[in-house]
C-alpha atoms as a PDB file:
ATOM      1  CA  MET A   1    -175.864 -43.294  21.563  1.00  0.00           C
ATOM      2  CA  LYS A   2    -173.300 -46.130  20.945  1.00  0.00           C
ATOM      3  CA  ASN A   3    -170.487 -45.318  19.128  1.00  0.00           C
ATOM      4  CA  LYS A   4    -169.854 -47.256  16.125  1.00  0.00           C
ATOM      5  CA  LEU A   5    -165.974 -48.487  15.388  1.00  0.00           C
ATOM      6  CA  LYS A   6    -164.760 -50.441  11.852  1.00  0.00           C
ATOM      7  CA  ILE A   7    -161.955 -52.495  12.426  1.00  0.00           C
ATOM      8  CA  TYR A   8    -159.661 -53.601   9.477  1.00  0.00           C
ATOM      9  CA  THR A   9    -156.641 -56.011   9.660  1.00  0.00           C
ATOM     10  CA  ASP A  10    -154.646 -57.096   7.517  1.00  0.00           C
ATOM     11  CA  GLY A  11    -151.198 -59.732   7.237  1.00  0.00           C
ATOM     12  CA  ALA A  12    -148.323 -60.614   4.270  1.00  0.00           C
ATOM     13  CA  CYS A  13    -145.608 -62.158   4.446  1.00  0.00           C
ATOM     14  CA  SER A  14    -143.318 -62.987   1.565  1.00  0.00           C
ATOM     15  CA  THR A  15    -142.441 -66.855   1.360  1.00  0.00           C
ATOM     16  CA  GLU A  16    -139.155 -66.906  -0.273  1.00  0.00           C
ATOM     17  CA  LEU A  17    -137.833 -64.230   2.687  1.00  0.00           C
ATOM     18  CA  ARG A  18    -140.170 -64.704   5.624  1.00  0.00           C
ATOM     19  CA  LEU A  19    -140.435 -61.834   6.261  1.00  0.00           C
ATOM     20  CA  GLY A  20    -143.598 -59.797   7.684  1.00  0.00           C
ATOM     21  CA  GLY A  21    -145.651 -57.192   8.487  1.00  0.00           C
ATOM     22  CA  TRP A  22    -149.075 -56.613  10.084  1.00  0.00           C
ATOM     23  CA  ALA A  23    -151.244 -53.423   9.910  1.00  0.00           C
ATOM     24  CA  VAL A  24    -154.777 -52.846  12.048  1.00  0.00           C
ATOM     25  CA  VAL A  25    -156.917 -49.667  10.918  1.00  0.00           C
ATOM     26  CA  TYR A  26    -159.165 -48.704  13.285  1.00  0.00           C
ATOM     27  CA  LYS A  27    -162.674 -45.928  12.368  1.00  0.00           C
ATOM     28  CA  PHE A  28    -164.590 -44.615  14.761  1.00  0.00           C
ATOM     29  CA  GLU A  29    -167.985 -42.932  13.617  1.00  0.00           C
ATOM     30  CA  ASN A  30    -167.325 -39.614  13.023  1.00  0.00           C
ATOM     31  CA  GLU A  31    -163.261 -39.609  12.990  1.00  0.00           C
ATOM     32  CA  ASP A  32    -160.289 -39.325  11.723  1.00  0.00           C
ATOM     33  CA  VAL A  33    -158.666 -42.894  11.321  1.00  0.00           C
ATOM     34  CA  PHE A  34    -155.711 -44.641  13.471  1.00  0.00           C
ATOM     35  CA  TYR A  35    -153.496 -47.497  12.723  1.00  0.00           C
ATOM     36  CA  GLU A  36    -150.942 -49.449  13.793  1.00  0.00           C
ATOM     37  CA  THR A  37    -148.276 -51.291  12.189  1.00  0.00           C
ATOM     38  CA  GLY A  38    -145.485 -54.162  12.394  1.00  0.00           C
ATOM     39  CA  HIS A  39    -143.380 -56.669  10.977  1.00  0.00           C
ATOM     40  CA  ALA A  40    -141.647 -59.739  12.251  1.00  0.00           C
ATOM     41  CA  THR A  41    -138.561 -62.093  10.521  1.00  0.00           C
ATOM     42  CA  LYS A  42    -139.458 -66.071   9.656  1.00  0.00           C
ATOM     43  CA  THR A  43    -142.551 -65.637  10.822  1.00  0.00           C
ATOM     44  CA  THR A  44    -145.276 -67.480   7.562  1.00  0.00           C
ATOM     45  CA  ASN A  45    -148.733 -64.913   5.934  1.00  0.00           C
ATOM     46  CA  ASN A  46    -151.334 -66.779   9.106  1.00  0.00           C
ATOM     47  CA  GLN A  47    -148.763 -65.989  11.540  1.00  0.00           C
ATOM     48  CA  MET A  48    -149.047 -61.528  10.617  1.00  0.00           C
ATOM     49  CA  GLU A  49    -153.232 -62.675   9.316  1.00  0.00           C
ATOM     50  CA  LEU A  50    -153.459 -63.806  13.097  1.00  0.00           C
ATOM     51  CA  TYR A  51    -151.435 -60.843  14.656  1.00  0.00           C
ATOM     52  CA  ALA A  52    -152.952 -58.229  13.387  1.00  0.00           C
ATOM     53  CA  PHE A  53    -156.660 -59.892  14.138  1.00  0.00           C
ATOM     54  CA  TYR A  54    -154.996 -60.026  17.720  1.00  0.00           C
ATOM     55  CA  LYS A  55    -153.187 -56.413  18.177  1.00  0.00           C
ATOM     56  CA  ALA A  56    -157.438 -55.344  17.200  1.00  0.00           C
ATOM     57  CA  LEU A  57    -158.635 -57.753  19.878  1.00  0.00           C
ATOM     58  CA  LYS A  58    -155.841 -56.647  22.243  1.00  0.00           C
ATOM     59  CA  PHE A  59    -157.358 -53.247  21.879  1.00  0.00           C
ATOM     60  CA  ILE A  60    -160.904 -53.383  21.795  1.00  0.00           C
ATOM     61  CA  TYR A  61    -160.350 -55.548  25.633  1.00  0.00           C
ATOM     62  CA  ASN A  62    -157.979 -52.082  26.702  1.00  0.00           C
ATOM     63  CA  SER A  63    -159.742 -49.741  25.290  1.00  0.00           C
ATOM     64  CA  VAL A  64    -162.588 -49.542  24.435  1.00  0.00           C
ATOM     65  CA  SER A  65    -165.697 -49.488  26.449  1.00  0.00           C
ATOM     66  CA  ASP A  66    -170.039 -49.340  24.924  1.00  0.00           C
ATOM     67  CA  CYS A  67    -168.904 -49.489  21.548  1.00  0.00           C
ATOM     68  CA  GLU A  68    -170.615 -51.395  18.750  1.00  0.00           C
ATOM     69  CA  ILE A  69    -167.765 -52.895  16.823  1.00  0.00           C
ATOM     70  CA  GLU A  70    -166.637 -54.747  13.531  1.00  0.00           C
ATOM     71  CA  ILE A  71    -163.989 -56.638  12.417  1.00  0.00           C
ATOM     72  CA  TYR A  72    -163.016 -57.254   8.707  1.00  0.00           C
ATOM     73  CA  SER A  73    -160.342 -59.662   7.384  1.00  0.00           C
ATOM     74  CA  ASP A  74    -159.915 -60.584   4.330  1.00  0.00           C
ATOM     75  CA  SER A  75    -157.863 -64.428   5.844  1.00  0.00           C
ATOM     76  CA  ALA A  76    -160.098 -67.016   5.738  1.00  0.00           C
ATOM     77  CA  TYR A  77    -158.180 -68.631   8.264  1.00  0.00           C
ATOM     78  CA  VAL A  78    -158.440 -65.375  10.214  1.00  0.00           C
ATOM     79  CA  VAL A  79    -162.376 -65.661   9.554  1.00  0.00           C
ATOM     80  CA  ASN A  80    -162.467 -69.186  10.342  1.00  0.00           C
ATOM     81  CA  ALA A  81    -161.049 -69.410  13.473  1.00  0.00           C
ATOM     82  CA  VAL A  82    -163.442 -66.898  14.533  1.00  0.00           C
ATOM     83  CA  LYS A  83    -166.668 -68.444  12.720  1.00  0.00           C
ATOM     84  CA  LEU A  84    -165.910 -72.173  13.372  1.00  0.00           C
ATOM     85  CA  GLY A  85    -164.619 -72.057  16.762  1.00  0.00           C
ATOM     86  CA  TRP A  86    -161.072 -72.659  15.896  1.00  0.00           C
ATOM     87  CA  LEU A  87    -159.962 -70.535  18.110  1.00  0.00           C
ATOM     88  CA  LYS A  88    -162.009 -71.408  21.626  1.00  0.00           C
ATOM     89  CA  LYS A  89    -159.721 -74.986  20.418  1.00  0.00           C
ATOM     90  CA  TRP A  90    -156.682 -73.336  20.206  1.00  0.00           C
ATOM     91  CA  SER A  91    -157.402 -71.162  23.832  1.00  0.00           C
ATOM     92  CA  LYS A  92    -158.333 -74.996  25.065  1.00  0.00           C
ATOM     93  CA  ASN A  93    -155.449 -77.008  23.566  1.00  0.00           C
ATOM     94  CA  GLY A  94    -153.137 -73.790  24.700  1.00  0.00           C
END
């Protein structure tokens, strides 16, 4: 039976100060929750949202095998990057 992993990502930024933060919460079925957080200066809200999503993908790539994964984001920018294929286009364009 495959283990299930739910991942929640979020990012935020103060528009006036350009101070931002990001977080990723990982929840394996029947296991404890763990998380990663960070911050940046001279950033934007979209950068923080994308960075949290990037950290989640990096974790999946480096640490997860044979697992059913669900990723949640409240960012239309992140969701559209996946659903509308923007990530592939961005990668192709460098």
